[in-house]
Amino acid sequence: MLIFFLALAAGGCAPMQKNSKVRTYSKNVEDIGGLTFNSPKTMADLKVAPKRFKIVLDGSDTLSLSGIRQRALSQATYKYKADVIIEPIFYVEQWKGGYKVKLTGYVGKYVNLRTASSEDLTVLELTKGGGK
């Protein structure tokens, strides 16, 4: 079972201060009535299933290739209660008036959601530049 760290921050990450304290920030969201939200940086672990899943969908409607892929990802996310699909591979057949898509990938679920600690922020800062 693989565990990954992921920073979840609405609107992006602010640079880390030298004293490594967790900072909060505000972002004005005008398109939903000009509300302001204060949100601390949040961390989560990503639990990835050890085996690939496989889902097959047939459709009789006309969709673009990206639409077919979106539908397959949506169905897989719903069926497996996934937060994210890791390494998706699509096999698509299209014909006039229909399609068939096979999707394989790994189910990922966010676990252990928490406010970022100083140690979490240090790890993020180190990985931000590719370990430089």
N, C-alpha and C. Protein backbone atom coordinates (compact mmCIF):
# COMPACT_ATOMS: atom_id res chain seq x y z
N MET A 1 0.85 -1.16 0.00
CA MET A 1 0.00 0.00 0.00
C MET A 1 0.90 1.23 0.00
N LEU A 2 0.68 2.09 -0.96
CA LEU A 2 1.48 3.30 -1.08
C LEU A 2 0.79 4.44 -0.37
N ILE A 3 1.54 5.24 0.31
CA ILE A 3 1.00 6.42 0.97
C ILE A 3 1.75 7.63 0.42
N PHE A 4 1.02 8.59 -0.07
CA PHE A 4 1.61 9.80 -0.60
C PHE A 4 1.12 10.98 0.23
N PHE A 5 1.90 12.02 0.28
CA PHE A 5 1.47 13.25 0.92
C PHE A 5 0.97 14.19 -0.16
N LEU A 6 -0.08 14.90 0.14
CA LEU A 6 -0.65 15.83 -0.81
C LEU A 6 -1.09 17.07 -0.08
N ALA A 7 -0.72 18.20 -0.61
CA ALA A 7 -1.16 19.46 -0.02
C ALA A 7 -2.46 19.86 -0.67
N LEU A 8 -3.45 20.13 0.13
CA LEU A 8 -4.72 20.60 -0.37
C LEU A 8 -4.90 22.03 0.10
N ALA A 9 -4.88 22.95 -0.83
CA ALA A 9 -5.05 24.35 -0.44
C ALA A 9 -5.90 25.04 -1.49
N ALA A 10 -7.00 25.60 -1.07
CA ALA A 10 -7.86 26.31 -2.01
C ALA A 10 -7.15 27.56 -2.49
N GLY A 11 -6.93 27.64 -3.77
CA GLY A 11 -6.33 28.84 -4.33
C GLY A 11 -4.82 28.83 -4.37
N GLY A 12 -4.15 27.75 -4.06
CA GLY A 12 -2.70 27.68 -4.17
C GLY A 12 -2.01 27.74 -2.83
N CYS A 13 -0.71 27.59 -2.85
CA CYS A 13 0.09 27.55 -1.62
C CYS A 13 0.89 28.83 -1.49
N ALA A 14 0.92 29.37 -0.29
CA ALA A 14 1.76 30.53 -0.01
C ALA A 14 3.13 30.04 0.39
N PRO A 15 4.19 30.83 0.16
CA PRO A 15 5.52 30.39 0.56
C PRO A 15 5.62 30.18 2.07
N MET A 16 6.48 29.26 2.48
CA MET A 16 6.64 28.94 3.89
C MET A 16 7.51 30.00 4.57
N GLN A 17 7.11 30.42 5.75
CA GLN A 17 7.91 31.36 6.51
C GLN A 17 9.09 30.63 7.14
N LYS A 18 10.15 31.36 7.47
CA LYS A 18 11.34 30.74 8.05
C LYS A 18 11.08 30.10 9.40
N ASN A 19 10.11 30.59 10.17
CA ASN A 19 9.85 29.99 11.48
C ASN A 19 8.95 28.76 11.36
N SER A 20 8.55 28.38 10.16
CA SER A 20 7.80 27.16 9.86
C SER A 20 6.45 27.07 10.58
N LYS A 21 5.85 28.19 10.89
CA LYS A 21 4.51 28.15 11.48
C LYS A 21 3.48 28.02 10.38
N VAL A 22 2.40 27.36 10.69
CA VAL A 22 1.32 27.22 9.72
C VAL A 22 0.65 28.57 9.58
N ARG A 23 0.49 29.01 8.33
CA ARG A 23 -0.15 30.29 8.08
C ARG A 23 -1.52 30.07 7.48
N THR A 24 -2.42 30.98 7.78
CA THR A 24 -3.71 30.98 7.11
C THR A 24 -3.69 32.10 6.09
N TYR A 25 -4.60 32.05 5.16
CA TYR A 25 -4.65 33.07 4.14
C TYR A 25 -6.10 33.30 3.74
N SER A 26 -6.34 34.41 3.08
CA SER A 26 -7.68 34.74 2.60
C SER A 26 -7.65 34.80 1.09
N LYS A 27 -8.76 34.41 0.50
CA LYS A 27 -8.92 34.54 -0.94
C LYS A 27 -10.32 35.08 -1.18
N ASN A 28 -10.40 36.17 -1.89
CA ASN A 28 -11.69 36.75 -2.22
C ASN A 28 -12.27 35.99 -3.41
N VAL A 29 -13.45 35.43 -3.23
CA VAL A 29 -14.10 34.65 -4.28
C VAL A 29 -15.29 35.46 -4.77
N GLU A 30 -15.07 36.27 -5.80
CA GLU A 30 -16.10 37.19 -6.26
C GLU A 30 -17.23 36.50 -7.00
N ASP A 31 -16.97 35.38 -7.66
CA ASP A 31 -18.00 34.76 -8.48
C ASP A 31 -19.08 34.07 -7.65
N ILE A 32 -18.93 33.99 -6.32
CA ILE A 32 -20.01 33.45 -5.49
C ILE A 32 -20.44 34.47 -4.44
N GLY A 33 -20.54 35.70 -4.87
CA GLY A 33 -21.09 36.73 -4.01
C GLY A 33 -20.06 37.53 -3.24
N GLY A 34 -18.80 37.47 -3.59
CA GLY A 34 -17.77 38.26 -2.93
C GLY A 34 -17.45 37.81 -1.52
N LEU A 35 -17.72 36.55 -1.19
CA LEU A 35 -17.42 36.04 0.14
C LEU A 35 -15.92 35.83 0.31
N THR A 36 -15.45 35.96 1.53
CA THR A 36 -14.05 35.72 1.84
C THR A 36 -13.94 34.50 2.75
N PHE A 37 -13.06 33.59 2.39
CA PHE A 37 -12.85 32.38 3.17
C PHE A 37 -11.45 32.38 3.75
N ASN A 38 -11.32 32.06 5.04
CA ASN A 38 -10.02 31.85 5.64
C ASN A 38 -9.85 30.35 5.82
N SER A 39 -8.75 29.83 5.32
CA SER A 39 -8.56 28.38 5.36
C SER A 39 -7.10 28.05 5.66
N PRO A 40 -6.85 27.21 6.65
CA PRO A 40 -5.46 26.79 6.90
C PRO A 40 -5.02 25.79 5.84
N LYS A 41 -3.73 25.65 5.65
CA LYS A 41 -3.22 24.62 4.75
C LYS A 41 -3.59 23.27 5.32
N THR A 42 -4.02 22.40 4.45
CA THR A 42 -4.49 21.08 4.86
C THR A 42 -3.66 20.02 4.18
N MET A 43 -3.38 18.95 4.90
CA MET A 43 -2.62 17.82 4.37
C MET A 43 -3.51 16.59 4.40
N ALA A 44 -3.17 15.64 3.54
CA ALA A 44 -3.86 14.35 3.52
C ALA A 44 -2.89 13.30 3.02
N ASP A 45 -3.12 12.07 3.42
CA ASP A 45 -2.37 10.95 2.86
C ASP A 45 -3.24 10.37 1.75
N LEU A 46 -2.60 9.86 0.72
CA LEU A 46 -3.33 9.25 -0.39
C LEU A 46 -3.11 7.75 -0.32
N LYS A 47 -4.19 7.03 -0.05
CA LYS A 47 -4.14 5.57 0.03
C LYS A 47 -4.48 5.04 -1.35
N VAL A 48 -3.55 4.29 -1.94
CA VAL A 48 -3.72 3.78 -3.30
C VAL A 48 -3.93 2.27 -3.24
N ALA A 49 -4.97 1.79 -3.94
CA ALA A 49 -5.26 0.35 -3.97
C ALA A 49 -4.10 -0.40 -4.61
N PRO A 50 -3.80 -1.60 -4.11
CA PRO A 50 -2.65 -2.35 -4.63
C PRO A 50 -2.87 -2.97 -6.00
N LYS A 51 -4.12 -3.11 -6.44
CA LYS A 51 -4.41 -3.73 -7.75
C LYS A 51 -5.18 -2.77 -8.63
N ARG A 52 -4.92 -2.89 -9.94
CA ARG A 52 -5.66 -2.10 -10.93
C ARG A 52 -7.10 -2.58 -11.01
N PHE A 53 -8.02 -1.65 -11.23
CA PHE A 53 -9.41 -2.01 -11.51
C PHE A 53 -9.59 -1.97 -13.03
N LYS A 54 -10.70 -2.52 -13.50
CA LYS A 54 -11.05 -2.47 -14.92
C LYS A 54 -12.55 -2.20 -15.00
N ILE A 55 -12.91 -1.23 -15.81
CA ILE A 55 -14.32 -0.91 -16.04
C ILE A 55 -14.54 -0.82 -17.54
N VAL A 56 -15.67 -1.34 -18.03
CA VAL A 56 -16.02 -1.31 -19.45
C VAL A 56 -17.38 -0.64 -19.59
N LEU A 57 -17.45 0.34 -20.48
CA LEU A 57 -18.71 1.05 -20.73
C LEU A 57 -19.02 1.03 -22.22
N ASP A 58 -20.29 0.84 -22.54
CA ASP A 58 -20.78 0.95 -23.91
C ASP A 58 -21.74 2.12 -23.95
N GLY A 59 -21.70 2.89 -25.03
CA GLY A 59 -22.61 4.00 -25.16
C GLY A 59 -23.15 4.11 -26.57
N SER A 60 -24.36 4.62 -26.66
CA SER A 60 -24.97 4.77 -27.98
C SER A 60 -25.11 6.24 -28.37
N ASP A 61 -24.60 7.13 -27.55
CA ASP A 61 -24.66 8.55 -27.89
C ASP A 61 -23.36 8.99 -28.54
N THR A 62 -23.39 10.14 -29.16
CA THR A 62 -22.21 10.67 -29.84
C THR A 62 -21.48 11.60 -28.89
N LEU A 63 -20.29 11.20 -28.49
CA LEU A 63 -19.46 12.02 -27.61
C LEU A 63 -18.08 12.19 -28.25
N SER A 64 -17.42 13.27 -27.87
CA SER A 64 -16.03 13.44 -28.29
C SER A 64 -15.17 12.46 -27.50
N LEU A 65 -13.93 12.31 -27.92
CA LEU A 65 -13.02 11.42 -27.21
C LEU A 65 -12.84 11.86 -25.77
N SER A 66 -12.70 13.16 -25.55
CA SER A 66 -12.55 13.64 -24.16
C SER A 66 -13.84 13.41 -23.37
N GLY A 67 -14.99 13.52 -24.01
CA GLY A 67 -16.26 13.25 -23.33
C GLY A 67 -16.39 11.80 -22.91
N ILE A 68 -15.93 10.89 -23.77
CA ILE A 68 -15.94 9.46 -23.44
C ILE A 68 -15.02 9.19 -22.26
N ARG A 69 -13.84 9.78 -22.28
CA ARG A 69 -12.89 9.59 -21.19
C ARG A 69 -13.46 10.14 -19.88
N GLN A 70 -14.07 11.32 -19.94
CA GLN A 70 -14.67 11.92 -18.75
C GLN A 70 -15.77 11.03 -18.18
N ARG A 71 -16.61 10.46 -19.06
CA ARG A 71 -17.68 9.59 -18.60
C ARG A 71 -17.11 8.35 -17.92
N ALA A 72 -16.07 7.75 -18.50
CA ALA A 72 -15.46 6.55 -17.90
C ALA A 72 -14.84 6.87 -16.55
N LEU A 73 -14.14 8.01 -16.44
CA LEU A 73 -13.56 8.41 -15.15
C LEU A 73 -14.65 8.66 -14.11
N SER A 74 -15.72 9.30 -14.53
CA SER A 74 -16.82 9.58 -13.61
C SER A 74 -17.45 8.28 -13.10
N GLN A 75 -17.68 7.34 -14.00
CA GLN A 75 -18.28 6.06 -13.61
C GLN A 75 -17.35 5.28 -12.66
N ALA A 76 -16.06 5.26 -12.97
CA ALA A 76 -15.10 4.54 -12.11
C ALA A 76 -15.01 5.19 -10.74
N THR A 77 -14.98 6.52 -10.71
CA THR A 77 -14.92 7.25 -9.44
C THR A 77 -16.15 6.92 -8.58
N TYR A 78 -17.31 6.89 -9.21
CA TYR A 78 -18.54 6.58 -8.49
C TYR A 78 -18.58 5.12 -8.04
N LYS A 79 -18.27 4.21 -8.95
CA LYS A 79 -18.36 2.77 -8.65
C LYS A 79 -17.42 2.36 -7.52
N TYR A 80 -16.20 2.88 -7.53
CA TYR A 80 -15.20 2.48 -6.54
C TYR A 80 -15.06 3.46 -5.38
N LYS A 81 -15.92 4.49 -5.36
CA LYS A 81 -15.88 5.51 -4.31
C LYS A 81 -14.48 6.12 -4.18
N ALA A 82 -13.88 6.40 -5.33
CA ALA A 82 -12.51 6.93 -5.38
C ALA A 82 -12.53 8.46 -5.28
N ASP A 83 -11.49 9.00 -4.69
CA ASP A 83 -11.28 10.44 -4.71
C ASP A 83 -10.50 10.84 -5.96
N VAL A 84 -9.67 9.92 -6.44
CA VAL A 84 -8.84 10.17 -7.60
C VAL A 84 -8.53 8.82 -8.27
N ILE A 85 -8.33 8.84 -9.57
CA ILE A 85 -7.92 7.65 -10.31
C ILE A 85 -6.46 7.86 -10.70
N ILE A 86 -5.61 6.91 -10.27
CA ILE A 86 -4.16 7.00 -10.52
C ILE A 86 -3.82 6.18 -11.76
N GLU A 87 -2.96 6.73 -12.62
CA GLU A 87 -2.49 6.08 -13.85
C GLU A 87 -3.62 5.51 -14.70
N PRO A 88 -4.60 6.33 -15.07
CA PRO A 88 -5.68 5.79 -15.91
C PRO A 88 -5.17 5.46 -17.31
N ILE A 89 -5.60 4.33 -17.84
CA ILE A 89 -5.31 3.92 -19.22
C ILE A 89 -6.64 3.65 -19.90
N PHE A 90 -6.86 4.30 -21.02
CA PHE A 90 -8.11 4.19 -21.76
C PHE A 90 -7.90 3.40 -23.04
N TYR A 91 -8.85 2.53 -23.35
CA TYR A 91 -8.92 1.84 -24.63
C TYR A 91 -10.29 2.21 -25.21
N VAL A 92 -10.30 2.95 -26.30
CA VAL A 92 -11.56 3.48 -26.82
C VAL A 92 -11.78 3.01 -28.25
N GLU A 93 -12.98 2.53 -28.52
CA GLU A 93 -13.44 2.23 -29.87
C GLU A 93 -14.63 3.13 -30.14
N GLN A 94 -14.60 3.83 -31.28
CA GLN A 94 -15.71 4.70 -31.65
C GLN A 94 -16.22 4.32 -33.02
N TRP A 95 -17.52 4.43 -33.20
CA TRP A 95 -18.13 4.25 -34.51
C TRP A 95 -19.31 5.20 -34.57
N LYS A 96 -19.89 5.29 -35.74
CA LYS A 96 -21.01 6.22 -35.92
C LYS A 96 -22.15 5.82 -34.98
N GLY A 97 -22.46 6.69 -34.03
CA GLY A 97 -23.57 6.46 -33.12
C GLY A 97 -23.23 5.64 -31.89
N GLY A 98 -21.96 5.40 -31.61
CA GLY A 98 -21.67 4.64 -30.41
C GLY A 98 -20.18 4.56 -30.09
N TYR A 99 -19.89 3.95 -28.97
CA TYR A 99 -18.51 3.77 -28.53
C TYR A 99 -18.44 2.66 -27.49
N LYS A 100 -17.24 2.20 -27.24
CA LYS A 100 -16.94 1.27 -26.16
C LYS A 100 -15.62 1.74 -25.56
N VAL A 101 -15.57 1.83 -24.25
CA VAL A 101 -14.36 2.28 -23.57
C VAL A 101 -14.03 1.32 -22.44
N LYS A 102 -12.75 0.97 -22.36
CA LYS A 102 -12.24 0.19 -21.23
C LYS A 102 -11.26 1.11 -20.51
N LEU A 103 -11.41 1.16 -19.21
CA LEU A 103 -10.54 2.00 -18.38
C LEU A 103 -9.94 1.13 -17.28
N THR A 104 -8.62 1.24 -17.13
CA THR A 104 -7.96 0.59 -16.00
C THR A 104 -7.18 1.66 -15.24
N GLY A 105 -6.98 1.42 -13.96
CA GLY A 105 -6.24 2.36 -13.13
C GLY A 105 -6.27 1.90 -11.68
N TYR A 106 -5.70 2.71 -10.83
CA TYR A 106 -5.67 2.43 -9.40
C TYR A 106 -6.61 3.40 -8.69
N VAL A 107 -7.35 2.90 -7.72
CA VAL A 107 -8.24 3.74 -6.92
C VAL A 107 -7.42 4.44 -5.84
N GLY A 108 -7.59 5.74 -5.73
CA GLY A 108 -6.93 6.52 -4.68
C GLY A 108 -7.97 7.18 -3.79
N LYS A 109 -7.74 7.10 -2.48
CA LYS A 109 -8.64 7.73 -1.52
C LYS A 109 -7.83 8.57 -0.54
N TYR A 110 -8.29 9.80 -0.29
CA TYR A 110 -7.62 10.66 0.69
C TYR A 110 -8.00 10.22 2.09
N VAL A 111 -7.01 10.03 2.93
CA VAL A 111 -7.22 9.64 4.32
C VAL A 111 -6.39 10.56 5.21
N ASN A 112 -6.72 10.58 6.47
CA ASN A 112 -5.96 11.33 7.46
C ASN A 112 -5.86 12.82 7.11
N LEU A 113 -7.00 13.44 6.80
CA LEU A 113 -7.02 14.88 6.55
C LEU A 113 -6.68 15.61 7.85
N ARG A 114 -5.81 16.59 7.74
CA ARG A 114 -5.36 17.29 8.95
C ARG A 114 -4.80 18.66 8.58
N THR A 115 -4.76 19.54 9.56
CA THR A 115 -4.08 20.81 9.38
C THR A 115 -2.59 20.55 9.25
N ALA A 116 -1.95 21.19 8.31
CA ALA A 116 -0.53 20.96 8.06
C ALA A 116 0.31 21.34 9.27
N SER A 117 1.19 20.44 9.65
CA SER A 117 2.12 20.72 10.76
C SER A 117 3.39 21.36 10.18
N SER A 118 4.26 21.81 11.05
CA SER A 118 5.54 22.38 10.60
C SER A 118 6.34 21.35 9.82
N GLU A 119 6.29 20.08 10.26
CA GLU A 119 7.01 19.01 9.56
C GLU A 119 6.44 18.80 8.16
N ASP A 120 5.10 18.83 8.05
CA ASP A 120 4.47 18.69 6.73
C ASP A 120 4.93 19.80 5.79
N LEU A 121 4.95 21.03 6.29
CA LEU A 121 5.36 22.16 5.47
C LEU A 121 6.82 22.05 5.05
N THR A 122 7.66 21.51 5.94
CA THR A 122 9.07 21.31 5.60
C THR A 122 9.20 20.30 4.46
N VAL A 123 8.45 19.21 4.53
CA VAL A 123 8.47 18.21 3.46
C VAL A 123 8.01 18.83 2.15
N LEU A 124 6.94 19.62 2.19
CA LEU A 124 6.44 20.27 0.99
C LEU A 124 7.47 21.22 0.40
N GLU A 125 8.13 21.98 1.24
CA GLU A 125 9.14 22.92 0.77
C GLU A 125 10.31 22.19 0.12
N LEU A 126 10.72 21.05 0.70
CA LEU A 126 11.82 20.28 0.14
C LEU A 126 11.46 19.66 -1.20
N THR A 127 10.21 19.20 -1.36
CA THR A 127 9.80 18.56 -2.60
C THR A 127 9.37 19.56 -3.66
N LYS A 128 9.12 20.77 -3.27
CA LYS A 128 8.65 21.81 -4.20
C LYS A 128 9.64 22.03 -5.35
N GLY A 129 10.90 22.05 -5.05
CA GLY A 129 11.91 22.29 -6.08
C GLY A 129 12.55 21.02 -6.60
N GLY A 130 11.90 19.88 -6.44
CA GLY A 130 12.46 18.62 -6.91
C GLY A 130 13.62 18.16 -6.06
N GLY A 131 13.63 18.54 -4.77
CA GLY A 131 14.69 18.12 -3.87
C GLY A 131 15.92 18.98 -3.92
N LYS A 132 15.82 20.15 -4.56
CA LYS A 132 16.98 21.05 -4.66
C LYS A 132 17.19 21.83 -3.40
